[in-house]
């Protein structure tokens, strides 16, 4: 019933959001003015914090004064202040009207995770950005106004700091704050975010959402998550269909008691839907999202950087449904808002954070140029710096972006890769985006599907790179040779220094390293189990610059490689 009344209930809200988008895009045409206003607002918001007082930060100060007062820094410069906040002292970074709600977790450059403060103002801006993204996506795909949403998110309250502050994932907080009408559009209830075991969580999400044929939008951060869901749906099809027929949940014992009760209430008996799913299996020989969600109109995932490597594999299960990028976002803040399908770039969110940029070629130099948003050049790469409502100033997030275009004087940016994801054995400076492009081209040409892959350096005479993949994805030695040869050719085309080092013999040929089935699953679960790990936002490293990565992977996450795999590697 709600499916038919939603357009009427949401009509005033949708119109308000459309007007907000139009106003925002109009104002964003003048990035210089909007960024100046944003900086003053942020400086005023946290002016009474200890950090701001120590550096005499105030609204109205000139940009040069601001830059002299706060040097460019990473999280370690803010860690002492965050530690005070974790123990109940929010005034270390925040003003009195900027209430601390939680910490979101992210991996850091040290062994310790980063605890990023999330405030009421931060959440307001975060929700505004998603509202603008959402209304444009729904208007571009009108069927979405009448269909349901499958969204996978993680718990915002996984544990508490010594000061009692929740720690987890902001997507879970936003989901928990949604109204009942908005929540009625979502097939997976908020309680599922609290399931810690990834397999039980995914199975539960599938059990509830496959029962609903009226799904129009699927949302999660990384497309590799959807590849995993697609595989699980087919692998577990018998259990899933039986659960839908009987109104049960096969993994209920793995759920926390409070979550179990809430989820089981939604596990209604539906023999008719189960019979329909059985017919789909007979017709197609598998159980896939593109079949059990025939009205699916849009998938929302990251498509830039390493995430783009998994789009082809995702389409194997979801078909040629349109894909819209979330935009460049991280625990520290949302940076871009895309307004078109099949493109990773988006308009810089100049009304939320204050942004500065360092040209990629100058990063790490003693006196790099620091540019404002309106000063970027099209087709140039930059490191991006953020000043946010959460008390971070001139924060080096180490993301590399390319300026693709302009909306007025606001740049349109595409995420390329994390700056740390560059490997440099002999001066070749191979980037993760180059590796992703090379492997995507090879996989497309050879009509393969790699569930995951990682390229990493290994030392030797000469040193070289190794391509890791699960052997089941490339089952024949001839295909392995073709895959490696094509990736090698593409890398030489994309990186002139790699080409030169290969031709002079300073780098050896790319080497294949097949892995036993399940290696990547064990590796991912280990990474997610570390403090700060999030199932849906897990970012598989397509390039690791660590010389010990291959050895670590083979020793700790692979079963003993079979003789057949060894033969393939030798080939």
Protein backbone atom coordinates (compact mmCIF):
# COMPACT_ATOMS: atom_id res chain seq x y z
CA UNK A 1 0.00 0.00 0.00
CA UNK A 2 2.78 2.46 0.93
CA UNK A 3 4.34 1.93 -2.49
CA UNK A 4 1.37 3.70 -4.09
CA UNK A 5 1.05 6.60 -1.64
CA UNK A 6 4.74 7.50 -1.36
CA UNK A 7 4.77 9.90 -4.34
CA UNK A 8 1.87 11.84 -2.74
CA UNK A 9 3.35 11.80 0.75
CA UNK A 10 6.78 12.87 -0.50
CA UNK A 11 5.63 15.43 -3.06
CA UNK A 12 6.22 18.61 -0.94
CA UNK A 13 9.56 17.30 0.33
CA UNK A 14 10.68 16.37 -3.18
CA UNK A 15 9.82 19.83 -4.48
CA UNK A 16 11.72 21.48 -1.64
CA UNK A 17 14.72 19.31 -2.43
CA UNK A 18 14.52 20.16 -6.14
CA UNK A 19 14.52 23.87 -5.28
CA UNK A 20 17.49 23.30 -2.96
CA UNK A 21 19.43 21.60 -5.75
CA UNK A 22 18.66 24.40 -8.22
CA UNK A 23 19.69 27.06 -5.70
CA UNK A 24 22.85 25.19 -4.75
CA UNK A 25 23.99 24.69 -8.34
CA UNK A 26 23.29 28.35 -9.08
CA UNK A 27 25.37 29.49 -6.10
CA UNK A 28 28.12 26.98 -6.89
CA UNK A 29 28.79 28.76 -10.18
CA UNK A 30 30.70 31.30 -8.05
CA UNK A 31 33.11 29.03 -6.18
CA UNK A 32 35.29 31.86 -4.87
CA UNK A 33 32.40 33.53 -3.06
CA UNK A 34 30.85 30.29 -1.82
CA UNK A 35 34.18 28.98 -0.51
CA UNK A 36 34.87 32.27 1.30
CA UNK A 37 31.47 32.09 2.98
CA UNK A 38 32.03 28.42 3.84
CA UNK A 39 35.43 29.12 5.42
CA UNK A 40 34.02 31.95 7.55
CA UNK A 41 31.13 29.76 8.67
CA UNK A 42 33.47 26.93 9.66
CA UNK A 43 35.84 29.28 11.48
CA UNK A 44 32.92 30.77 13.42
CA UNK A 45 31.43 27.35 14.21
CA UNK A 46 34.48 26.12 16.13
CA UNK A 47 36.07 29.45 17.10
CA UNK A 48 35.75 28.68 20.82
CA UNK A 49 37.59 25.36 20.60
CA UNK A 50 41.03 25.02 22.15
CA UNK A 51 42.58 24.28 18.76
CA UNK A 52 41.12 27.47 17.23
CA UNK A 53 42.12 29.62 20.20
CA UNK A 54 45.70 28.32 20.18
CA UNK A 55 46.01 29.32 16.52
CA UNK A 56 43.87 32.48 16.77
CA UNK A 57 41.48 31.28 14.11
CA UNK A 58 38.54 33.59 13.50
CA UNK A 59 35.97 34.32 10.79
CA UNK A 60 37.04 37.08 8.44
CA UNK A 61 40.75 36.36 8.62
CA UNK A 62 42.46 36.45 5.25
CA UNK A 63 43.32 33.27 3.43
CA UNK A 64 47.04 33.98 3.82
CA UNK A 65 46.57 34.46 7.58
CA UNK A 66 44.64 31.22 7.77
CA UNK A 67 47.37 29.35 5.94
CA UNK A 68 50.09 30.80 8.16
CA UNK A 69 48.14 29.85 11.28
CA UNK A 70 47.49 26.23 10.28
CA UNK A 71 50.04 24.19 8.34
CA UNK A 72 48.92 21.38 6.05
CA UNK A 73 48.68 18.27 8.23
CA UNK A 74 47.45 14.68 8.37
CA UNK A 75 45.50 13.05 11.19
CA UNK A 76 48.49 12.78 13.52
CA UNK A 77 48.43 16.55 14.06
CA UNK A 78 44.86 16.26 15.38
CA UNK A 79 45.21 12.98 17.26
CA UNK A 80 46.01 14.58 20.69
CA UNK A 81 42.85 16.72 20.43
CA UNK A 82 40.77 13.75 19.31
CA UNK A 83 42.07 11.72 22.26
CA UNK A 84 40.72 14.41 24.59
CA UNK A 85 37.38 14.26 22.78
CA UNK A 86 37.26 10.48 23.16
CA UNK A 87 37.53 11.00 26.93
CA UNK A 88 34.65 13.49 27.02
CA UNK A 89 36.21 16.87 26.15
CA UNK A 90 34.63 17.99 22.82
CA UNK A 91 35.92 21.57 23.27
CA UNK A 92 39.35 20.38 22.15
CA UNK A 93 38.20 20.78 18.51
CA UNK A 94 34.54 21.83 18.60
CA UNK A 95 32.54 24.90 19.49
CA UNK A 96 29.61 24.74 21.94
CA UNK A 97 26.96 24.68 19.17
CA UNK A 98 28.64 21.85 17.28
CA UNK A 99 27.58 18.73 19.18
CA UNK A 100 29.69 15.59 18.91
CA UNK A 101 27.49 12.63 17.90
CA UNK A 102 29.98 9.83 17.21
CA UNK A 103 33.35 8.90 15.79
CA UNK A 104 33.61 7.19 12.45
CA UNK A 105 36.62 4.94 12.03
CA UNK A 106 39.19 4.83 9.29
CA UNK A 107 42.58 3.19 8.88
CA UNK A 108 45.52 5.49 9.52
CA UNK A 109 49.15 5.84 8.48
CA UNK A 110 50.19 4.40 11.86
CA UNK A 111 49.03 1.18 13.49
CA UNK A 112 46.25 3.09 15.25
CA UNK A 113 42.93 3.78 13.57
CA UNK A 114 41.72 7.31 12.96
CA UNK A 115 38.73 8.40 15.01
CA UNK A 116 37.04 11.08 12.92
CA UNK A 117 34.58 13.30 14.84
CA UNK A 118 31.05 13.43 13.46
CA UNK A 119 28.98 16.39 14.64
CA UNK A 120 25.38 17.54 14.22
CA UNK A 121 26.49 20.11 11.61
CA UNK A 122 28.50 17.48 9.75
CA UNK A 123 25.46 15.16 9.63
CA UNK A 124 23.20 17.98 8.42
CA UNK A 125 25.58 18.67 5.53
CA UNK A 126 26.01 14.95 4.83
CA UNK A 127 22.24 14.44 4.61
CA UNK A 128 21.81 17.52 2.45
CA UNK A 129 24.36 16.20 -0.04
CA UNK A 130 22.61 12.83 -0.19
CA UNK A 131 19.23 14.51 -0.60
CA UNK A 132 20.49 16.44 -3.62
CA UNK A 133 22.07 13.30 -5.07
CA UNK A 134 18.90 11.32 -4.40
CA UNK A 135 16.32 13.66 -5.91
CA UNK A 136 18.32 14.02 -9.11
CA UNK A 137 18.76 10.24 -9.35
CA UNK A 138 15.05 9.63 -8.78
CA UNK A 139 13.95 12.29 -11.23
CA UNK A 140 16.30 10.83 -13.85
CA UNK A 141 14.76 7.41 -13.15
CA UNK A 142 11.10 8.20 -12.30
CA UNK A 143 10.21 4.60 -11.50
CA UNK A 144 12.30 4.93 -8.34
CA UNK A 145 9.61 7.15 -6.79
CA UNK A 146 7.38 4.06 -6.55
CA UNK A 147 9.95 1.36 -5.82
CA UNK A 148 11.93 0.16 -2.82
CA UNK A 149 15.60 0.51 -1.90
CA UNK A 150 18.17 -2.03 -0.79
CA UNK A 151 20.96 -0.30 1.13
CA UNK A 152 23.79 -1.97 3.02
CA UNK A 153 25.29 0.04 5.86
CA UNK A 154 27.28 -0.60 9.03
CA UNK A 155 26.55 0.03 12.68
CA UNK A 156 27.30 3.50 14.07
CA UNK A 157 27.51 2.16 17.64
CA UNK A 158 29.95 -0.74 17.43
CA UNK A 159 31.60 0.26 20.70
CA UNK A 160 32.05 3.31 22.90
CA UNK A 161 35.04 5.42 23.86
CA UNK A 162 36.07 5.99 27.47
CA UNK A 163 33.88 9.10 27.36
CA UNK A 164 30.86 7.12 26.16
CA UNK A 165 30.90 8.33 22.52
CA UNK A 166 29.61 5.82 19.93
CA UNK A 167 32.11 4.61 17.34
CA UNK A 168 31.21 3.09 13.99
CA UNK A 169 29.96 4.08 10.57
CA UNK A 170 28.12 7.30 9.67
CA UNK A 171 25.83 5.51 7.21
CA UNK A 172 24.38 3.59 10.14
CA UNK A 173 23.76 6.81 12.07
CA UNK A 174 21.96 8.44 9.15
CA UNK A 175 19.82 5.32 8.66
CA UNK A 176 18.89 5.34 12.34
CA UNK A 177 17.83 9.00 12.06
CA UNK A 178 15.46 8.47 9.11
CA UNK A 179 11.72 9.03 9.51
CA UNK A 180 9.29 6.10 9.40
CA UNK A 181 8.04 7.14 5.95
CA UNK A 182 11.58 7.24 4.56
CA UNK A 183 12.47 3.96 6.28
CA UNK A 184 9.41 2.32 4.67
CA UNK A 185 11.22 2.61 1.34
CA UNK A 186 14.12 0.45 2.58
CA UNK A 187 13.92 -3.33 2.35
CA UNK A 188 16.81 -4.07 4.74
CA UNK A 189 15.96 -2.84 8.28
CA UNK A 190 18.45 -0.79 10.30
CA UNK A 191 18.94 -3.67 12.75
CA UNK A 192 20.84 -5.65 10.09
CA UNK A 193 23.70 -3.12 10.39
CA UNK A 194 24.37 -4.52 13.86
CA UNK A 195 25.17 -8.03 12.59
CA UNK A 196 28.93 -8.29 13.01
CA UNK A 197 29.53 -11.50 11.06
CA UNK A 198 29.78 -10.50 7.37
CA UNK A 199 28.40 -13.76 5.96
CA UNK A 200 25.43 -13.72 8.33
CA UNK A 201 24.82 -10.06 7.56
CA UNK A 202 24.89 -10.56 3.79
CA UNK A 203 22.69 -13.65 3.99
CA UNK A 204 20.14 -11.83 6.15
CA UNK A 205 20.10 -8.86 3.78
CA UNK A 206 19.55 -11.20 0.82
CA UNK A 207 16.85 -13.21 2.63
CA UNK A 208 14.83 -10.06 3.29
CA UNK A 209 15.42 -8.27 0.00
CA UNK A 210 15.06 -11.18 -2.44
CA UNK A 211 11.57 -11.69 -1.05
CA UNK A 212 10.66 -8.25 -2.44
CA UNK A 213 10.24 -8.06 -6.25
CA UNK A 214 9.69 -4.28 -6.09
CA UNK A 215 13.33 -3.25 -5.59
CA UNK A 216 14.34 -0.34 -7.82
CA UNK A 217 17.60 0.92 -6.28
CA UNK A 218 20.54 -0.94 -4.72
CA UNK A 219 23.06 1.12 -2.77
CA UNK A 220 26.34 0.30 -1.09
CA UNK A 221 29.80 1.81 -1.18
CA UNK A 222 31.89 -0.67 -3.11
CA UNK A 223 30.81 -2.68 -6.19
CA UNK A 224 32.89 -5.60 -4.93
CA UNK A 225 30.25 -5.97 -2.20
CA UNK A 226 27.62 -6.48 -4.90
CA UNK A 227 29.81 -9.03 -6.67
CA UNK A 228 29.96 -10.91 -3.37
CA UNK A 229 26.18 -10.62 -2.93
CA UNK A 230 25.57 -11.87 -6.46
CA UNK A 231 27.73 -14.92 -5.86
CA UNK A 232 26.13 -15.61 -2.48
CA UNK A 233 22.60 -15.34 -3.87
CA UNK A 234 23.31 -18.11 -6.36
CA UNK A 235 25.46 -20.22 -4.03
CA UNK A 236 22.83 -20.09 -1.26
CA UNK A 237 19.78 -20.19 -3.52
CA UNK A 238 18.33 -23.38 -2.07
CA UNK A 239 18.49 -22.11 1.52
CA UNK A 240 17.22 -18.66 0.52
CA UNK A 241 14.22 -20.04 -1.38
CA UNK A 242 13.40 -22.44 1.46
CA UNK A 243 13.58 -19.60 4.00
CA UNK A 244 11.25 -17.43 1.90
CA UNK A 245 8.79 -20.30 1.50
CA UNK A 246 8.78 -21.18 5.21
CA UNK A 247 9.17 -17.73 6.76
CA UNK A 248 12.48 -18.69 8.40
CA UNK A 249 16.08 -17.45 8.55
CA UNK A 250 18.80 -20.10 8.28
CA UNK A 251 21.47 -17.96 10.00
CA UNK A 252 19.34 -16.71 12.88
CA UNK A 253 21.63 -18.26 15.51
CA UNK A 254 24.47 -16.02 14.32
CA UNK A 255 22.44 -12.86 15.04
CA UNK A 256 22.53 -10.95 18.34
CA UNK A 257 19.31 -11.65 20.31
CA UNK A 258 17.83 -8.15 19.94
CA UNK A 259 18.57 -8.07 16.24
CA UNK A 260 17.25 -11.60 15.78
CA UNK A 261 13.81 -10.73 17.14
CA UNK A 262 13.48 -7.62 14.95
CA UNK A 263 14.63 -9.46 11.81
CA UNK A 264 12.50 -12.55 12.33
CA UNK A 265 9.38 -10.38 12.50
CA UNK A 266 10.10 -9.44 8.88
CA UNK A 267 10.71 -13.00 7.70
CA UNK A 268 7.19 -13.65 6.51
CA UNK A 269 6.15 -16.90 4.87
CA UNK A 270 5.73 -16.40 1.09
CA UNK A 271 5.33 -19.69 -0.84
CA UNK A 272 4.24 -17.86 -4.01
CA UNK A 273 7.45 -15.82 -4.13
CA UNK A 274 9.48 -18.96 -3.45
CA UNK A 275 7.84 -20.73 -6.40
CA UNK A 276 8.56 -17.71 -8.59
CA UNK A 277 12.24 -17.85 -7.60
CA UNK A 278 12.37 -21.57 -8.34
CA UNK A 279 11.02 -20.87 -11.83
CA UNK A 280 13.75 -18.26 -12.34
CA UNK A 281 16.40 -20.81 -11.41
CA UNK A 282 14.95 -23.34 -13.86
CA UNK A 283 14.77 -20.72 -16.62
CA UNK A 284 18.22 -19.15 -16.15
CA UNK A 285 20.19 -21.86 -14.39
CA UNK A 286 21.05 -19.53 -11.53
CA UNK A 287 19.55 -17.03 -9.08
CA UNK A 288 20.78 -13.53 -9.97
CA UNK A 289 19.69 -9.98 -8.99
CA UNK A 290 18.93 -9.00 -12.58
CA UNK A 291 16.30 -11.75 -12.61
CA UNK A 292 14.76 -11.63 -9.12
CA UNK A 293 14.62 -7.79 -9.20
CA UNK A 294 13.11 -7.22 -12.68
CA UNK A 295 12.24 -3.57 -11.89
CA UNK A 296 15.78 -2.62 -10.84
CA UNK A 297 16.41 0.85 -12.29
CA UNK A 298 19.67 2.01 -10.71
CA UNK A 299 22.72 0.79 -8.79
CA UNK A 300 24.59 3.30 -6.64
CA UNK A 301 28.24 2.46 -5.91
CA UNK A 302 31.67 4.01 -6.17
CA UNK A 303 32.96 3.81 -9.73
CA UNK A 304 36.19 5.83 -9.52
CA UNK A 305 39.68 4.63 -8.64
CA UNK A 306 40.13 0.97 -7.75
CA UNK A 307 36.36 0.47 -7.26
CA UNK A 308 35.84 0.75 -11.01
CA UNK A 309 37.72 -2.50 -11.50
CA UNK A 310 34.73 -4.45 -10.18
CA UNK A 311 31.97 -2.93 -12.29
CA UNK A 312 32.28 -5.51 -15.02
CA UNK A 313 32.02 -8.35 -12.51
CA UNK A 314 29.06 -6.64 -10.87
CA UNK A 315 27.20 -6.45 -14.18
CA UNK A 316 27.46 -10.21 -14.54
CA UNK A 317 24.92 -10.44 -11.72
CA UNK A 318 23.04 -7.15 -12.00
CA UNK A 319 22.93 -6.84 -15.78
CA UNK A 320 23.26 -3.58 -17.69
CA UNK A 321 21.36 -1.53 -15.13
CA UNK A 322 22.45 2.15 -14.99
CA UNK A 323 25.10 2.94 -12.37
CA UNK A 324 25.49 6.26 -10.56
CA UNK A 325 28.54 7.07 -8.48
CA UNK A 326 28.05 8.14 -4.86
CA UNK A 327 30.64 10.86 -5.24
CA UNK A 328 34.06 11.19 -3.69
CA UNK A 329 33.55 10.71 0.04
CA UNK A 330 35.47 9.49 3.04
CA UNK A 331 35.11 9.37 6.80
CA UNK A 332 36.39 12.94 6.88
CA UNK A 333 33.76 14.33 4.54
CA UNK A 334 31.92 14.33 1.25
CA UNK A 335 33.82 16.09 -1.52
CA UNK A 336 31.86 15.74 -4.77
CA UNK A 337 28.25 15.20 -5.86
CA UNK A 338 27.73 13.41 -9.21
CA UNK A 339 24.57 14.25 -11.15
CA UNK A 340 24.83 11.77 -14.04
CA UNK A 341 24.93 8.01 -14.60
CA UNK A 342 28.01 6.09 -15.73
CA UNK A 343 30.42 8.87 -14.72
CA UNK A 344 32.58 8.99 -11.60
CA UNK A 345 33.19 12.74 -11.59
CA UNK A 346 31.07 15.18 -9.62
CA UNK A 347 30.77 18.87 -8.78
CA UNK A 348 32.94 19.87 -5.83
CA UNK A 349 30.72 20.41 -2.78
CA UNK A 350 31.88 23.99 -2.27
CA UNK A 351 29.12 24.78 0.23
CA UNK A 352 30.08 22.16 2.82
CA UNK A 353 33.86 22.14 3.32
CA UNK A 354 36.65 24.56 2.49
CA UNK A 355 38.97 23.00 -0.08
CA UNK A 356 42.56 23.57 -1.13
CA UNK A 357 44.65 21.71 -3.67
CA UNK A 358 48.31 20.84 -4.22
CA UNK A 359 49.44 19.95 -7.77
CA UNK A 360 50.37 16.28 -7.86
CA UNK A 361 53.86 16.95 -9.17
CA UNK A 362 54.58 19.35 -6.30
CA UNK A 363 53.30 17.15 -3.49
CA UNK A 364 56.02 16.49 -0.94
CA UNK A 365 58.17 19.44 -2.01
CA UNK A 366 59.34 22.02 0.54
CA UNK A 367 57.14 24.85 -0.76
CA UNK A 368 54.34 23.42 -2.91
CA UNK A 369 51.78 25.62 -4.59
CA UNK A 370 48.45 25.62 -2.75
CA UNK A 371 45.45 26.50 -4.90
CA UNK A 372 41.86 27.45 -4.21
CA UNK A 373 39.02 25.55 -5.86
CA UNK A 374 38.53 28.05 -8.68
CA UNK A 375 42.25 28.01 -9.57
CA UNK A 376 42.52 24.44 -10.85
CA UNK A 377 43.36 23.57 -14.44
CA UNK A 378 41.37 21.05 -16.44
CA UNK A 379 43.16 17.73 -17.04
CA UNK A 380 45.59 18.31 -14.15
CA UNK A 381 45.89 16.11 -11.04
CA UNK A 382 45.83 17.41 -7.47
CA UNK A 383 45.99 16.34 -3.86
CA UNK A 384 42.94 17.61 -1.99
CA UNK A 385 42.94 19.31 1.45
CA UNK A 386 39.83 19.74 3.63
CA UNK A 387 38.73 22.13 6.34
CA UNK A 388 35.56 20.67 7.86
CA UNK A 389 32.83 21.28 10.40
CA UNK A 390 34.28 18.47 12.51
CA UNK A 391 37.29 20.56 13.51
CA UNK A 392 39.82 19.39 10.91
CA UNK A 393 41.79 22.17 9.21
CA UNK A 394 43.81 21.92 6.00
CA UNK A 395 43.57 18.16 6.39
CA UNK A 396 45.61 16.13 3.92
CA UNK A 397 43.36 13.18 3.10
CA UNK A 398 45.91 11.96 0.53
CA UNK A 399 43.38 11.57 -2.25
CA UNK A 400 44.49 12.33 -5.80
CA UNK A 401 41.81 13.87 -8.03
CA UNK A 402 41.70 15.10 -11.61
CA UNK A 403 39.96 18.29 -12.64
CA UNK A 404 37.71 17.20 -15.53
CA UNK A 405 35.61 20.30 -16.12
CA UNK A 406 33.98 23.29 -14.44
CA UNK A 407 30.45 24.13 -13.32
CA UNK A 408 30.77 27.91 -13.45
CA UNK A 409 33.94 28.34 -11.39
CA UNK A 410 33.42 25.17 -9.29
CA UNK A 411 35.60 22.31 -10.48
CA UNK A 412 34.19 18.96 -11.54
CA UNK A 413 36.52 16.34 -10.06
CA UNK A 414 37.24 12.66 -10.63
CA UNK A 415 38.87 10.51 -7.96
CA UNK A 416 41.98 8.71 -9.24
CA UNK A 417 43.62 6.97 -6.29
CA UNK A 418 44.98 7.36 -2.80
CA UNK A 419 48.33 9.07 -2.90
CA UNK A 420 49.86 6.30 -0.82
CA UNK A 421 48.91 3.80 -3.54
CA UNK A 422 51.94 4.43 -5.70
CA UNK A 423 54.72 1.89 -6.06
CA UNK A 424 58.19 3.01 -7.05
CA UNK A 425 60.95 0.41 -7.32
CA UNK A 426 63.24 2.08 -9.85
CA UNK A 427 61.57 5.41 -10.64
CA UNK A 428 58.57 4.03 -12.54
CA UNK A 429 55.97 5.44 -10.06
CA UNK A 430 53.15 3.03 -10.93
CA UNK A 431 49.81 4.30 -9.58
CA UNK A 432 46.79 2.28 -8.55
CA UNK A 433 44.67 3.99 -11.20
CA UNK A 434 47.12 2.80 -13.89
CA UNK A 435 46.99 -0.75 -12.56
CA UNK A 436 43.20 -0.69 -12.50
CA UNK A 437 43.03 0.64 -16.06
CA UNK A 438 45.49 -2.00 -17.31
CA UNK A 439 43.70 -4.92 -15.68
CA UNK A 440 40.25 -3.68 -16.71
CA UNK A 441 41.39 -3.46 -20.34
CA UNK A 442 42.87 -6.95 -20.22
CA UNK A 443 39.85 -8.52 -18.53
CA UNK A 444 37.49 -6.88 -21.02
CA UNK A 445 39.56 -7.98 -23.99
CA UNK A 446 39.82 -11.58 -22.76
CA UNK A 447 36.21 -11.71 -21.49
CA UNK A 448 37.31 -12.74 -18.02
CA UNK A 449 36.02 -11.88 -14.57
CA UNK A 450 38.42 -11.37 -11.67
CA UNK A 451 36.65 -11.39 -8.31
CA UNK A 452 39.60 -9.40 -6.92
CA UNK A 453 43.21 -8.78 -7.82
CA UNK A 454 46.26 -7.05 -6.39
CA UNK A 455 49.50 -6.05 -8.05
CA UNK A 456 52.49 -5.75 -5.73
CA UNK A 457 56.27 -5.44 -6.13
CA UNK A 458 58.73 -8.23 -5.36
CA UNK A 459 62.47 -7.83 -5.01
CA UNK A 460 64.89 -9.72 -7.19
CA UNK A 461 67.40 -9.41 -9.99
CA UNK A 462 65.74 -7.51 -11.52
CA UNK A 463 62.76 -6.48 -9.32
CA UNK A 464 59.33 -6.89 -10.84
CA UNK A 465 55.60 -6.77 -10.13
CA UNK A 466 53.33 -9.70 -9.35
CA UNK A 467 49.66 -9.99 -10.31
CA UNK A 468 47.67 -11.90 -7.66
CA UNK A 469 44.32 -13.45 -8.58
CA UNK A 470 42.30 -16.50 -7.60
CA UNK A 471 43.12 -19.41 -9.90
CA UNK A 472 39.44 -20.26 -10.42
CA UNK A 473 38.95 -16.92 -12.20
CA UNK A 474 41.59 -17.77 -14.83
CA UNK A 475 41.49 -21.58 -15.02
CA UNK A 476 43.73 -22.27 -18.03
CA UNK A 477 47.49 -21.66 -18.38
CA UNK A 478 46.97 -20.14 -21.83
CA UNK A 479 44.57 -17.57 -20.43
CA UNK A 480 47.01 -16.78 -17.62
CA UNK A 481 49.72 -16.03 -20.19
CA UNK A 482 47.34 -13.85 -22.21
CA UNK A 483 46.17 -11.99 -19.10
CA UNK A 484 49.68 -11.20 -17.91
CA UNK A 485 50.88 -10.24 -21.39
CA UNK A 486 47.93 -7.89 -21.94
CA UNK A 487 48.28 -6.23 -18.53
CA UNK A 488 52.01 -5.83 -19.16
CA UNK A 489 51.36 -4.18 -22.53
CA UNK A 490 48.75 -1.84 -21.05
CA UNK A 491 51.01 -0.79 -18.16
CA UNK A 492 53.76 0.08 -20.62
CA UNK A 493 51.28 2.12 -22.64
CA UNK A 494 49.95 3.97 -19.60
CA UNK A 495 53.25 4.65 -17.84
CA UNK A 496 56.21 5.77 -19.94
CA UNK A 497 58.61 5.28 -17.02
CA UNK A 498 57.45 1.69 -16.59
CA UNK A 499 57.97 1.20 -20.33
CA UNK A 500 61.50 2.62 -20.16
CA UNK A 501 62.44 0.56 -17.08
CA UNK A 502 61.17 -2.61 -18.73
CA UNK A 503 63.07 -1.94 -21.96
CA UNK A 504 66.32 -1.24 -20.11
CA UNK A 505 65.94 -4.34 -17.96
CA UNK A 506 65.71 -2.48 -14.67
CA UNK A 507 62.28 -4.04 -14.16
CA UNK A 508 61.42 -7.64 -14.94
CA UNK A 509 58.24 -8.87 -16.63
CA UNK A 510 54.98 -8.94 -14.69
CA UNK A 511 54.59 -12.29 -12.95
CA UNK A 512 51.31 -14.18 -12.36
CA UNK A 513 50.48 -15.48 -8.89
CA UNK A 514 47.36 -17.68 -8.81
CA UNK A 515 45.77 -18.07 -5.39
CA UNK A 516 43.50 -20.78 -3.97
CA UNK A 517 39.78 -20.13 -3.97
CA UNK A 518 38.72 -18.12 -0.92
CA UNK A 519 42.03 -16.32 -0.39
CA UNK A 520 40.53 -12.88 -0.98
CA UNK A 521 37.59 -13.63 1.29
CA UNK A 522 39.93 -14.53 4.15
CA UNK A 523 42.11 -11.51 3.44
CA UNK A 524 39.11 -9.15 3.41
CA UNK A 525 37.67 -10.55 6.62
CA UNK A 526 41.03 -10.09 8.34
CA UNK A 527 41.20 -6.48 7.17
CA UNK A 528 37.60 -5.82 8.23
CA UNK A 529 38.21 -7.34 11.66
CA UNK A 530 40.84 -4.73 12.42
CA UNK A 531 39.66 -1.69 14.33
CA UNK A 532 38.00 0.65 11.90
CA UNK A 533 37.05 -2.03 9.40
CA UNK A 534 33.67 -1.65 7.67
CA UNK A 535 32.19 -4.44 5.58
CA UNK A 536 30.50 -2.30 2.94
CA UNK A 537 33.21 0.35 2.69
CA UNK A 538 36.09 -2.11 2.58
CA UNK A 539 38.41 -1.05 -0.22
CA UNK A 540 40.39 -3.86 -1.69
CA UNK A 541 43.94 -2.75 -2.58
CA UNK A 542 44.42 -3.19 -6.32
CA UNK A 543 48.01 -2.02 -5.87
CA UNK A 544 50.08 -2.57 -2.75
CA UNK A 545 53.52 -0.90 -2.69
CA UNK A 546 54.59 -3.21 0.16
CA UNK A 547 57.45 -5.52 -0.85
CA UNK A 548 56.22 -8.03 1.75
CA UNK A 549 52.61 -8.08 0.55
CA UNK A 550 52.95 -11.15 -1.69
CA UNK A 551 54.79 -13.17 0.93
CA UNK A 552 52.26 -12.17 3.60
CA UNK A 553 49.33 -13.08 1.36
CA UNK A 554 50.73 -16.49 0.48
CA UNK A 555 51.76 -17.37 4.03
CA UNK A 556 48.76 -16.16 5.99
CA UNK A 557 45.71 -16.12 3.73
CA UNK A 558 46.26 -18.89 1.19
CA UNK A 559 45.99 -22.59 1.78
CA UNK A 560 48.93 -24.54 0.41
CA UNK A 561 49.03 -23.90 -3.34
CA UNK A 562 48.26 -27.06 -5.25
CA UNK A 563 50.62 -28.59 -7.77
CA UNK A 564 48.26 -27.48 -10.53
CA UNK A 565 48.44 -23.85 -9.35
CA UNK A 566 52.19 -24.06 -9.21
CA UNK A 567 52.21 -25.34 -12.80
CA UNK A 568 50.07 -22.37 -13.85
CA UNK A 569 52.42 -19.95 -12.09
CA UNK A 570 55.42 -21.50 -13.86
CA UNK A 571 53.62 -21.11 -17.18
